Protein backbone atom coordinates (compact mmCIF):
# COMPACT_ATOMS: atom_id res chain seq x y z
CA MET A 1 -48.87 -20.73 11.63
CA SER A 2 -47.68 -22.81 14.59
CA GLU A 3 -47.55 -21.19 18.01
CA LYS A 4 -44.14 -19.88 19.11
CA VAL A 5 -42.37 -22.43 21.34
CA THR A 6 -41.25 -21.01 24.69
CA ARG A 7 -40.53 -22.56 28.07
CA ARG A 8 -43.89 -21.20 29.22
CA ASN A 9 -45.73 -22.89 26.34
CA VAL A 10 -44.10 -26.22 27.16
CA LEU A 11 -45.49 -25.98 30.67
CA LYS A 12 -48.89 -24.90 29.39
CA ALA A 13 -49.14 -27.85 27.04
CA GLY A 14 -48.55 -30.27 29.88
CA VAL A 15 -51.41 -28.93 32.00
CA ALA A 16 -53.90 -27.89 29.33
CA ALA A 17 -56.44 -30.59 30.16
CA ALA A 18 -56.36 -29.85 33.86
CA VAL A 19 -56.86 -26.15 33.26
CA ALA A 20 -59.82 -26.83 30.96
CA GLY A 21 -61.48 -29.14 33.49
CA ALA A 22 -61.09 -26.64 36.31
CA ALA A 23 -62.24 -23.61 34.35
CA THR A 24 -65.78 -23.72 35.70
CA ALA A 25 -64.69 -24.23 39.31
CA PHE A 26 -62.04 -21.55 39.66
CA PRO A 27 -61.80 -17.90 38.56
CA LYS A 28 -59.64 -17.23 35.54
CA VAL A 29 -56.02 -16.35 36.42
CA ALA A 30 -53.74 -13.98 34.53
CA SER A 31 -51.85 -15.46 31.58
CA ALA A 32 -48.14 -16.16 32.08
CA GLN A 33 -47.52 -14.09 28.96
CA SER A 34 -48.77 -10.98 30.81
CA LYS A 35 -46.13 -11.32 33.52
CA LYS A 36 -44.01 -8.19 33.99
CA LYS A 37 -40.54 -8.14 32.52
CA ILE A 38 -37.55 -8.11 34.83
CA ARG A 39 -35.30 -5.23 33.81
CA TRP A 40 -31.72 -5.02 35.06
CA ARG A 41 -28.76 -2.74 34.42
CA MET A 42 -25.25 -4.10 33.97
CA GLN A 43 -21.95 -2.21 34.15
CA THR A 44 -18.46 -3.30 33.07
CA HIS A 45 -14.91 -1.95 33.27
CA TRP A 46 -14.23 -2.68 29.59
CA PRO A 47 -13.91 0.37 27.32
CA THR A 48 -16.58 0.57 24.61
CA GLY A 49 -14.01 0.71 21.80
CA VAL A 50 -12.50 -2.75 22.35
CA GLY A 51 -13.71 -5.68 20.26
CA TYR A 52 -14.69 -7.87 23.18
CA TYR A 53 -17.13 -5.21 24.47
CA GLN A 54 -19.65 -6.22 21.81
CA ASP A 55 -18.53 -9.79 21.16
CA VAL A 56 -18.50 -10.88 24.80
CA TYR A 57 -20.17 -8.33 27.10
CA VAL A 58 -23.14 -7.19 25.01
CA LYS A 59 -23.58 -10.75 23.76
CA PHE A 60 -24.10 -11.95 27.35
CA CYS A 61 -27.10 -9.63 27.70
CA ASP A 62 -28.44 -10.70 24.31
CA ARG A 63 -28.07 -14.38 25.24
CA VAL A 64 -29.97 -13.98 28.53
CA ARG A 65 -32.74 -12.03 26.79
CA ALA A 66 -33.11 -14.72 24.13
CA ALA A 67 -32.99 -17.63 26.60
CA THR A 68 -35.76 -16.10 28.73
CA ASP A 69 -37.85 -15.04 25.71
CA GLY A 70 -37.37 -11.42 26.75
CA GLU A 71 -38.58 -11.95 30.31
CA LEU A 72 -35.19 -10.99 31.78
CA ASP A 73 -33.95 -7.90 29.96
CA ILE A 74 -30.42 -6.72 30.86
CA THR A 75 -29.12 -3.38 29.56
CA PRO A 76 -25.29 -3.34 29.14
CA LEU A 77 -23.70 -0.06 30.26
CA PRO A 78 -20.10 1.20 29.84
CA PRO A 79 -17.55 1.95 32.59
CA GLY A 80 -18.62 4.71 34.99
CA ALA A 81 -22.19 4.85 33.69
CA ILE A 82 -23.59 4.40 37.21
CA VAL A 83 -20.59 4.38 39.57
CA PRO A 84 -16.78 4.45 39.17
CA THR A 85 -15.30 1.02 38.53
CA ALA A 86 -13.67 0.87 41.97
CA ASN A 87 -17.12 1.23 43.59
CA VAL A 88 -18.95 -1.45 41.60
CA PHE A 89 -18.77 -4.19 44.25
CA GLU A 90 -20.22 -1.98 46.98
CA ALA A 91 -22.85 -0.58 44.61
CA ILE A 92 -23.97 -4.08 43.60
CA GLY A 93 -24.28 -5.07 47.27
CA ARG A 94 -26.34 -1.98 48.04
CA GLY A 95 -28.63 -2.62 45.09
CA LEU A 96 -27.79 0.56 43.14
CA PHE A 97 -27.83 -1.68 40.08
CA GLU A 98 -28.19 -5.40 39.57
CA ILE A 99 -25.30 -7.08 37.74
CA SER A 100 -21.75 -6.54 36.50
CA LEU A 101 -19.06 -8.08 34.31
CA ILE A 102 -15.95 -6.93 36.11
CA TRP A 103 -12.42 -7.67 37.42
CA PRO A 104 -12.09 -9.32 40.87
CA ALA A 105 -8.74 -7.70 41.72
CA TYR A 106 -10.46 -4.36 42.32
CA TRP A 107 -11.89 -5.52 45.68
CA ILE A 108 -9.20 -7.66 47.23
CA GLY A 109 -8.84 -4.99 49.90
CA ARG A 110 -12.40 -5.73 51.04
CA VAL A 111 -12.66 -9.39 49.99
CA PRO A 112 -9.11 -10.80 49.84
CA VAL A 113 -10.21 -14.15 48.39
CA ALA A 114 -11.28 -12.34 45.21
CA GLY A 115 -7.62 -12.61 44.17
CA HIS A 116 -8.05 -16.36 43.81
CA ILE A 117 -10.88 -15.80 41.33
CA ASN A 118 -8.48 -13.94 39.03
CA GLY A 119 -6.03 -16.82 39.33
CA GLN A 120 -2.50 -16.87 40.65
CA LEU A 121 0.57 -16.35 38.48
CA PHE A 122 2.06 -19.53 36.99
CA SER A 123 -0.60 -21.78 38.53
CA TRP A 124 -3.35 -23.10 36.20
CA GLU A 125 -1.90 -24.13 32.85
CA THR A 126 -5.14 -25.17 31.16
CA VAL A 127 -8.76 -24.07 31.21
CA ALA A 128 -9.64 -27.57 32.38
CA GLU A 129 -7.52 -27.05 35.51
CA MET A 130 -9.26 -23.76 36.23
CA TYR A 131 -12.73 -25.26 35.88
CA ALA A 132 -11.72 -28.28 37.98
CA TYR A 133 -10.56 -25.93 40.74
CA PHE A 134 -13.84 -24.02 40.73
CA TYR A 135 -16.42 -26.73 40.15
CA ASP A 136 -14.92 -30.15 40.86
CA MET A 137 -12.78 -29.17 43.85
CA GLY A 138 -15.45 -26.79 45.18
CA ALA A 139 -13.63 -23.46 45.27
CA ILE A 140 -16.66 -21.68 43.82
CA GLU A 141 -18.57 -22.25 47.06
CA VAL A 142 -15.79 -20.52 49.03
CA PHE A 143 -16.07 -17.47 46.77
CA ARG A 144 -19.86 -17.43 46.92
CA GLU A 145 -19.87 -17.59 50.70
CA ALA A 146 -17.35 -14.75 50.96
CA TYR A 147 -19.23 -12.52 48.51
CA ALA A 148 -22.58 -13.27 50.16
CA GLU A 149 -21.36 -11.52 53.32
CA HIS A 150 -21.52 -8.32 51.23
CA ASN A 151 -24.91 -9.11 49.66
CA VAL A 152 -23.18 -9.99 46.37
CA ARG A 153 -23.68 -13.21 44.42
CA PHE A 154 -20.62 -14.56 42.63
CA VAL A 155 -22.25 -16.02 39.54
CA GLY A 156 -19.13 -17.42 37.90
CA PRO A 157 -15.65 -16.88 36.44
CA LEU A 158 -15.08 -15.36 33.02
CA PRO A 159 -11.86 -16.88 31.63
CA MET A 160 -9.51 -15.56 28.98
CA THR A 161 -6.46 -17.25 27.49
CA GLY A 162 -3.80 -15.73 29.70
CA LEU A 163 -2.18 -12.78 31.42
CA ALA A 164 0.32 -11.12 29.08
CA LEU A 165 3.05 -8.66 30.02
CA TYR A 166 3.83 -5.93 27.47
CA SER A 167 7.21 -4.33 28.12
CA ARG A 168 9.46 -1.54 26.92
CA LYS A 169 12.50 -3.73 27.65
CA PRO A 170 13.22 -7.47 27.46
CA ILE A 171 12.54 -9.68 30.48
CA ARG A 172 14.53 -12.92 30.40
CA THR A 173 15.93 -13.48 33.90
CA LEU A 174 14.84 -12.60 37.40
CA SER A 175 17.39 -9.79 37.54
CA ASP A 176 15.55 -8.03 34.70
CA PHE A 177 12.69 -7.31 37.12
CA LYS A 178 14.91 -5.22 39.40
CA GLY A 179 13.55 -1.68 39.37
CA PHE A 180 11.06 -2.60 36.64
CA LYS A 181 8.03 -0.26 36.96
CA VAL A 182 5.03 -2.39 36.07
CA ARG A 183 1.38 -1.37 35.93
CA SER A 184 -0.23 -4.21 37.84
CA THR A 185 -3.18 -4.93 40.09
CA GLY A 186 -4.17 -7.35 42.80
CA ILE A 187 -2.07 -10.26 43.93
CA ALA A 188 -0.04 -10.15 40.70
CA ALA A 189 1.42 -6.83 41.82
CA GLN A 190 2.65 -8.41 45.04
CA VAL A 191 4.36 -11.22 43.12
CA PHE A 192 6.14 -8.62 40.98
CA GLU A 193 7.26 -6.86 44.13
CA LYS A 194 8.86 -10.05 45.45
CA ALA A 195 10.71 -10.34 42.14
CA GLY A 196 12.22 -6.88 42.66
CA ALA A 197 9.84 -4.91 40.40
CA THR A 198 8.02 -1.73 41.40
CA PRO A 199 4.25 -2.10 40.93
CA VAL A 200 2.37 1.07 39.99
CA PHE A 201 -1.28 1.57 39.16
CA PHE A 202 -3.11 3.70 36.59
CA PRO A 203 -6.72 3.47 35.43
CA GLY A 204 -7.09 1.71 32.09
CA GLU A 205 -7.47 4.94 30.14
CA GLU A 206 -4.09 6.21 31.42
CA VAL A 207 -1.93 3.13 30.77
CA TYR A 208 -1.13 3.93 27.12
CA GLN A 209 0.32 7.33 27.99
CA ALA A 210 2.21 5.91 30.98
CA LEU A 211 3.91 3.38 28.73
CA GLN A 212 4.50 5.95 26.00
CA THR A 213 6.23 8.39 28.34
CA GLY A 214 8.12 5.78 30.34
CA VAL A 215 6.26 6.44 33.57
CA CYS A 216 5.99 2.67 33.65
CA ASP A 217 8.16 0.06 31.89
CA GLY A 218 5.51 -2.59 31.41
CA ALA A 219 1.86 -3.40 31.94
CA HIS A 220 -0.66 -6.21 31.79
CA TRP A 221 -4.27 -5.84 30.70
CA GLY A 222 -5.53 -9.35 30.31
CA THR A 223 -4.19 -11.36 27.41
CA VAL A 224 -2.24 -10.28 24.31
CA SER A 225 -5.40 -9.54 22.34
CA THR A 226 -7.25 -7.60 25.05
CA ALA A 227 -4.19 -5.39 25.61
CA TRP A 228 -3.77 -5.07 21.83
CA ASP A 229 -7.18 -3.41 21.65
CA MET A 230 -5.81 -0.97 24.24
CA LYS A 231 -2.93 -0.22 21.77
CA PHE A 232 -0.14 -1.39 24.10
CA GLN A 233 1.77 -2.73 21.07
CA GLU A 234 2.24 0.85 19.85
CA VAL A 235 4.20 1.94 22.92
CA THR A 236 6.17 -1.20 23.84
CA LYS A 237 8.76 -3.36 22.10
CA TYR A 238 8.34 -6.72 23.82
CA ILE A 239 5.67 -9.25 24.74
CA VAL A 240 6.99 -11.42 27.56
CA MET A 241 6.61 -15.19 27.30
CA PRO A 242 5.38 -17.44 28.77
CA TYR A 243 2.21 -15.73 29.91
CA LEU A 244 2.23 -14.71 33.56
CA ALA A 245 -0.83 -16.94 33.80
CA GLU A 246 -2.11 -19.28 31.12
CA VAL A 247 -5.69 -18.70 32.29
CA ASN A 248 -6.94 -15.50 33.89
CA ASN A 249 -10.46 -14.73 35.04
CA GLY A 250 -12.86 -11.85 35.20
CA GLU A 251 -16.21 -12.44 36.87
CA ILE A 252 -19.94 -11.87 36.66
CA ILE A 253 -21.44 -10.75 39.95
CA MET A 254 -24.90 -9.54 40.95
CA ASN A 255 -26.98 -8.31 43.86
CA HIS A 256 -27.77 -11.28 46.11
CA LYS A 257 -31.31 -10.18 46.88
CA LYS A 258 -32.09 -9.99 43.17
CA TRP A 259 -30.55 -13.44 42.76
CA ASP A 260 -32.73 -14.87 45.52
CA GLU A 261 -35.84 -13.39 43.90
CA LEU A 262 -35.25 -15.18 40.59
CA PRO A 263 -37.18 -18.41 39.92
CA ASN A 264 -34.96 -21.47 39.66
CA ASP A 265 -35.21 -21.71 35.89
CA MET A 266 -33.92 -18.15 35.49
CA LYS A 267 -31.10 -18.77 37.95
CA ALA A 268 -30.03 -21.71 35.79
CA ILE A 269 -30.23 -19.55 32.66
CA VAL A 270 -28.06 -16.79 34.17
CA GLU A 271 -25.45 -19.34 35.27
CA GLU A 272 -25.41 -21.14 31.94
CA CYS A 273 -25.19 -17.87 30.03
CA THR A 274 -22.23 -16.94 32.25
CA ASN A 275 -20.54 -20.22 31.36
CA SER A 276 -21.26 -19.67 27.66
CA THR A 277 -19.88 -16.15 27.86
CA GLY A 278 -16.69 -17.57 29.36
CA ILE A 279 -16.36 -19.74 26.26
CA ASP A 280 -16.98 -16.65 24.10
CA PHE A 281 -14.14 -14.83 25.85
CA LEU A 282 -11.79 -17.79 25.54
CA LYS A 283 -12.54 -18.10 21.82
CA TRP A 284 -12.20 -14.37 21.20
CA SER A 285 -8.96 -13.97 23.13
CA GLY A 286 -7.39 -17.24 21.99
CA TYR A 287 -7.97 -16.68 18.29
CA ASN A 288 -6.97 -13.03 18.36
CA ASP A 289 -3.86 -13.85 20.38
CA ILE A 290 -2.67 -16.02 17.50
CA ILE A 291 -3.40 -13.28 14.97
CA TYR A 292 -1.74 -10.48 16.92
CA ILE A 293 1.34 -12.38 18.04
CA ASN A 294 1.96 -13.30 14.41
CA LYS A 295 1.41 -9.70 13.33
CA PHE A 296 3.70 -8.39 16.09
CA GLN A 297 6.56 -10.50 14.74
CA LYS A 298 5.79 -10.47 11.01
CA ASP A 299 5.42 -6.68 10.86
CA LYS A 300 8.54 -6.28 13.01
CA MET A 301 6.61 -4.30 15.61
CA GLY A 302 8.68 -5.90 18.34
CA GLU A 303 9.99 -9.17 19.76
CA LEU A 304 8.86 -11.96 22.03
CA SER A 305 11.00 -11.98 25.16
CA HIS A 306 11.23 -15.41 26.78
CA MET A 307 11.82 -15.87 30.51
CA ASP A 308 14.11 -18.77 31.26
CA GLN A 309 12.89 -21.81 33.20
CA ASP A 310 14.61 -20.79 36.44
CA THR A 311 12.84 -17.42 36.36
CA VAL A 312 9.45 -19.05 35.77
CA ALA A 313 10.07 -21.46 38.66
CA GLN A 314 11.09 -18.61 40.95
CA MET A 315 8.04 -16.54 39.98
CA ARG A 316 5.81 -19.52 40.75
CA LYS A 317 7.43 -19.78 44.18
CA PHE A 318 6.81 -16.07 44.79
CA SER A 319 3.20 -16.61 43.74
CA ILE A 320 2.71 -19.43 46.26
CA ASP A 321 4.41 -17.31 48.94
CA VAL A 322 1.80 -14.60 48.34
CA VAL A 323 -0.99 -17.23 48.48
CA ASP A 324 0.31 -18.37 51.89
CA GLU A 325 0.52 -14.79 53.14
CA TYR A 326 -3.11 -14.19 52.19
CA SER A 327 -4.10 -17.46 53.85
CA LYS A 328 -2.65 -16.19 57.14
CA LYS A 329 -4.43 -12.85 56.80
CA ASP A 330 -7.78 -14.45 55.92
CA PRO A 331 -8.04 -17.98 57.37
CA LYS A 332 -11.80 -18.06 56.82
CA TYR A 333 -11.72 -17.86 53.01
CA CYS A 334 -8.22 -17.37 51.55
CA ALA A 335 -6.85 -20.33 53.50
CA LYS A 336 -9.51 -22.64 52.04
CA ALA A 337 -9.07 -21.34 48.48
CA GLY A 338 -5.29 -21.40 48.81
CA GLU A 339 -5.15 -25.00 50.02
CA LEU A 340 -7.36 -26.13 47.15
CA LEU A 341 -5.03 -24.42 44.70
CA LYS A 342 -1.96 -25.99 46.28
CA ASP A 343 -3.68 -29.40 46.20
CA LEU A 344 -4.19 -28.97 42.47
CA LEU A 345 -0.59 -27.88 41.88
CA LYS A 346 0.67 -30.87 43.86
CA MET A 347 -1.45 -33.18 41.72
CA THR A 348 0.06 -31.67 38.57
CA GLY A 349 3.60 -31.88 39.98
CA ARG A 350 4.26 -28.12 39.84
CA ILE A 351 4.96 -27.82 43.55
């Protein structure tokens, strides 16, 4: 039977003759195969019962394990397994655990530029625009520098197909937002506030009941399909169109010291597996969005409520106003990220 091909064996094959010639001159060194495994723990904010927990989150850990031939072994853990979700960023920086798939909006109070990782409302309209912003225009380096101040490595964005608003009442014009109680987080909440809505916050496990009882009128939890797995369609009558954002990002972050300790080949693997997991999330959310939107209408569960063009334009203006406000508060990082975003929007003719 042929020997199993691994990245270590490729290296060994290339130096086999040199090793054989030096065997009598140098003491025998330990085999690379005997090297200790690196074991990490990973925590997310996603509930275990949603489909993307296995198909996206657990799959990331499986992909890294396979790509490193088991040398980097990451154990996926559910929300709150180590620390409450709101404390993940600090815990990662302190080294309480190593890595997380999480939502940037949770720490904009500590790291305001994290809001730009999520994406601004009515800004990127394609995944290509989002990736251009991060990698071609260089925004990712702004985020990495900001996170590094807290001993956290921003590995990369985790995109989904959009930010969908589920609502108990139709939203068609700007006036419909007046007094609208919306469960929202991060910079999105501040855009809603400018539109006349009243942002409120509940942990993920409480949103269903809040919608059911009317404590809030609407909520967003990622895209149509991610919120569908949270059962929002059971306690609302409308899905608002267009999406508040056509692309919305989570993130993978990790302890910076652990990042620095990785050999370069493993760093590349973690980054590439992050990129691949982003594609997984886009595929999962995009396909299931189609299925669930069709089901929502076909089964007469509710209606699609379309905002008019003037409302969309006004919401985009509010979004840019919030970007500028953050730039003034945080000229070191938000100003750089905000200008790059505005440069992109100018190139696309949206501002």
